[in-house]
Protein backbone atom coordinates (compact mmCIF):
# COMPACT_ATOMS: atom_id res chain seq x y z
CA MET A 1 -0.72 -9.57 -17.84
CA ASP A 2 -2.28 -5.74 -17.06
CA THR A 3 -5.82 -6.51 -18.77
CA LYS A 4 -6.86 -2.88 -18.75
CA GLU A 5 -3.78 -1.83 -19.94
CA ILE A 6 -4.44 -4.03 -22.93
CA GLU A 7 -7.93 -2.94 -23.26
CA ARG A 8 -6.19 0.77 -23.29
CA LEU A 9 -3.73 -0.29 -26.22
CA ASN A 10 -6.61 -2.21 -28.14
CA SER A 11 -8.95 1.24 -27.86
CA ALA A 12 -5.71 3.30 -28.96
CA MET A 13 -5.32 1.01 -32.13
CA LYS A 14 -8.92 1.19 -33.78
CA GLN A 15 -8.73 4.97 -33.23
CA ALA A 16 -4.83 5.34 -34.85
CA SER A 17 -4.70 6.58 -38.42
CA ASN A 18 -1.14 6.33 -38.82
CA LYS A 19 -0.29 2.71 -39.45
CA ARG A 20 3.58 2.89 -38.16
CA LEU A 21 1.69 4.50 -34.75
CA TYR A 22 -0.71 0.95 -34.94
CA GLU A 23 2.51 -1.11 -35.28
CA ARG A 24 4.31 0.36 -32.09
CA TYR A 25 0.94 0.38 -30.10
CA GLN A 26 0.57 -3.75 -31.23
CA ALA A 27 3.92 -4.36 -30.28
CA VAL A 28 3.69 -3.14 -26.69
CA ARG A 29 0.44 -5.09 -26.27
CA PHE A 30 2.06 -8.58 -27.67
CA ARG A 31 4.81 -7.86 -24.81
CA LEU A 32 2.54 -7.08 -22.56
CA GLU A 33 0.62 -10.05 -23.29
CA GLY A 34 4.53 -11.81 -22.53
CA HIS A 35 5.94 -12.37 -25.87
CA THR A 36 9.67 -11.67 -26.32
CA PHE A 37 11.04 -9.04 -28.37
CA ASP A 38 12.31 -11.93 -31.04
CA GLU A 39 9.19 -13.43 -30.97
CA ILE A 40 7.49 -9.58 -31.62
CA GLY A 41 10.12 -8.86 -34.13
CA GLU A 42 9.36 -12.41 -36.14
CA LEU A 43 5.48 -11.02 -35.90
CA LEU A 44 6.46 -7.16 -36.87
CA SER A 45 9.55 -7.96 -39.21
CA ARG A 46 11.30 -5.51 -37.00
CA GLY A 47 14.65 -5.68 -35.08
CA ARG A 48 14.66 -6.45 -31.28
CA HIS A 49 16.70 -2.43 -31.04
CA THR A 50 13.69 -0.73 -32.70
CA LEU A 51 10.90 -2.89 -30.57
CA SER A 52 13.02 -2.35 -27.65
CA ARG A 53 12.81 1.30 -27.89
CA TYR A 54 9.20 1.51 -28.28
CA TRP A 55 8.70 -0.55 -25.12
CA HIS A 56 11.48 1.93 -23.20
CA SER A 57 9.23 4.85 -24.66
CA TYR A 58 5.66 3.21 -23.58
CA GLN A 59 7.27 2.35 -20.30
CA SER A 60 8.63 6.16 -19.38
CA GLU A 61 5.45 7.83 -21.21
CA GLY A 62 3.11 5.93 -21.45
CA LEU A 63 0.87 5.87 -24.99
CA THR A 64 2.18 9.64 -25.86
CA GLY A 65 5.66 8.40 -25.69
CA LEU A 66 4.67 5.95 -28.82
CA ASN A 67 4.07 8.60 -30.83
CA MET A 68 6.44 10.16 -33.36
CA ASP A 69 7.50 13.66 -33.76
CA HIS A 70 8.42 13.80 -37.07
CA SER A 71 8.77 11.49 -40.30
CA PRO A 72 12.25 9.68 -40.15
CA GLY A 73 12.43 9.56 -43.44
CA GLN A 74 14.93 11.73 -45.88
CA PRO A 75 15.44 14.66 -44.98
CA THR A 76 14.21 17.64 -47.16
CA LYS A 77 16.26 18.91 -50.14
CA LEU A 78 14.76 22.20 -50.83
CA SER A 79 15.65 25.19 -48.19
CA GLU A 80 13.46 26.70 -45.66
CA GLU A 81 13.93 29.88 -47.98
CA GLN A 82 13.52 27.78 -51.29
CA ARG A 83 10.16 26.47 -50.04
CA ARG A 84 8.73 29.94 -49.41
CA GLN A 85 9.32 30.84 -52.76
CA LEU A 86 7.99 27.20 -53.93
CA ALA A 87 4.82 28.18 -51.65
CA SER A 88 4.51 31.75 -52.94
CA MET A 89 5.25 30.93 -56.62
CA LEU A 90 2.44 28.56 -56.57
CA GLU A 91 -0.33 31.05 -55.02
CA GLN A 92 0.64 33.69 -57.23
CA HIS A 93 0.10 31.37 -60.36
CA GLN A 94 -2.20 29.52 -62.15
CA PRO A 95 -0.54 25.72 -63.60
CA ALA A 96 -0.32 25.68 -67.32
CA ASP A 97 -2.93 23.61 -68.27
CA VAL A 98 -5.91 25.55 -66.46
CA GLY A 99 -8.53 26.59 -68.72
CA PHE A 100 -8.16 22.93 -70.56
CA GLU A 101 -11.47 22.40 -69.52
CA ALA A 102 -12.90 25.36 -71.00
CA ARG A 103 -11.19 24.75 -74.33
CA TYR A 104 -12.01 20.61 -74.88
CA THR A 105 -15.67 20.42 -73.34
């Protein structure tokens, strides 16, 4: 067990504002403490393959390897042009209920 590395992970966990990043740190910490991927999977409700990827990313790149580049969620339904048009529209127009407070206060 590498106590210095566990201390680094504990420190990173305290500073993590993202729950998923915290969980990745936690998985690596459990692994450094000697737990198997199956045991960690039970604790964190994650699959062995997912935990193995976290571990290999950590081994090759350290803590920075655990950072997520993007959310793996559903892709956006708007094209880049549609998003620009929507942003422009929102910047130029006020919402329909502007003045609500003025009318009812």
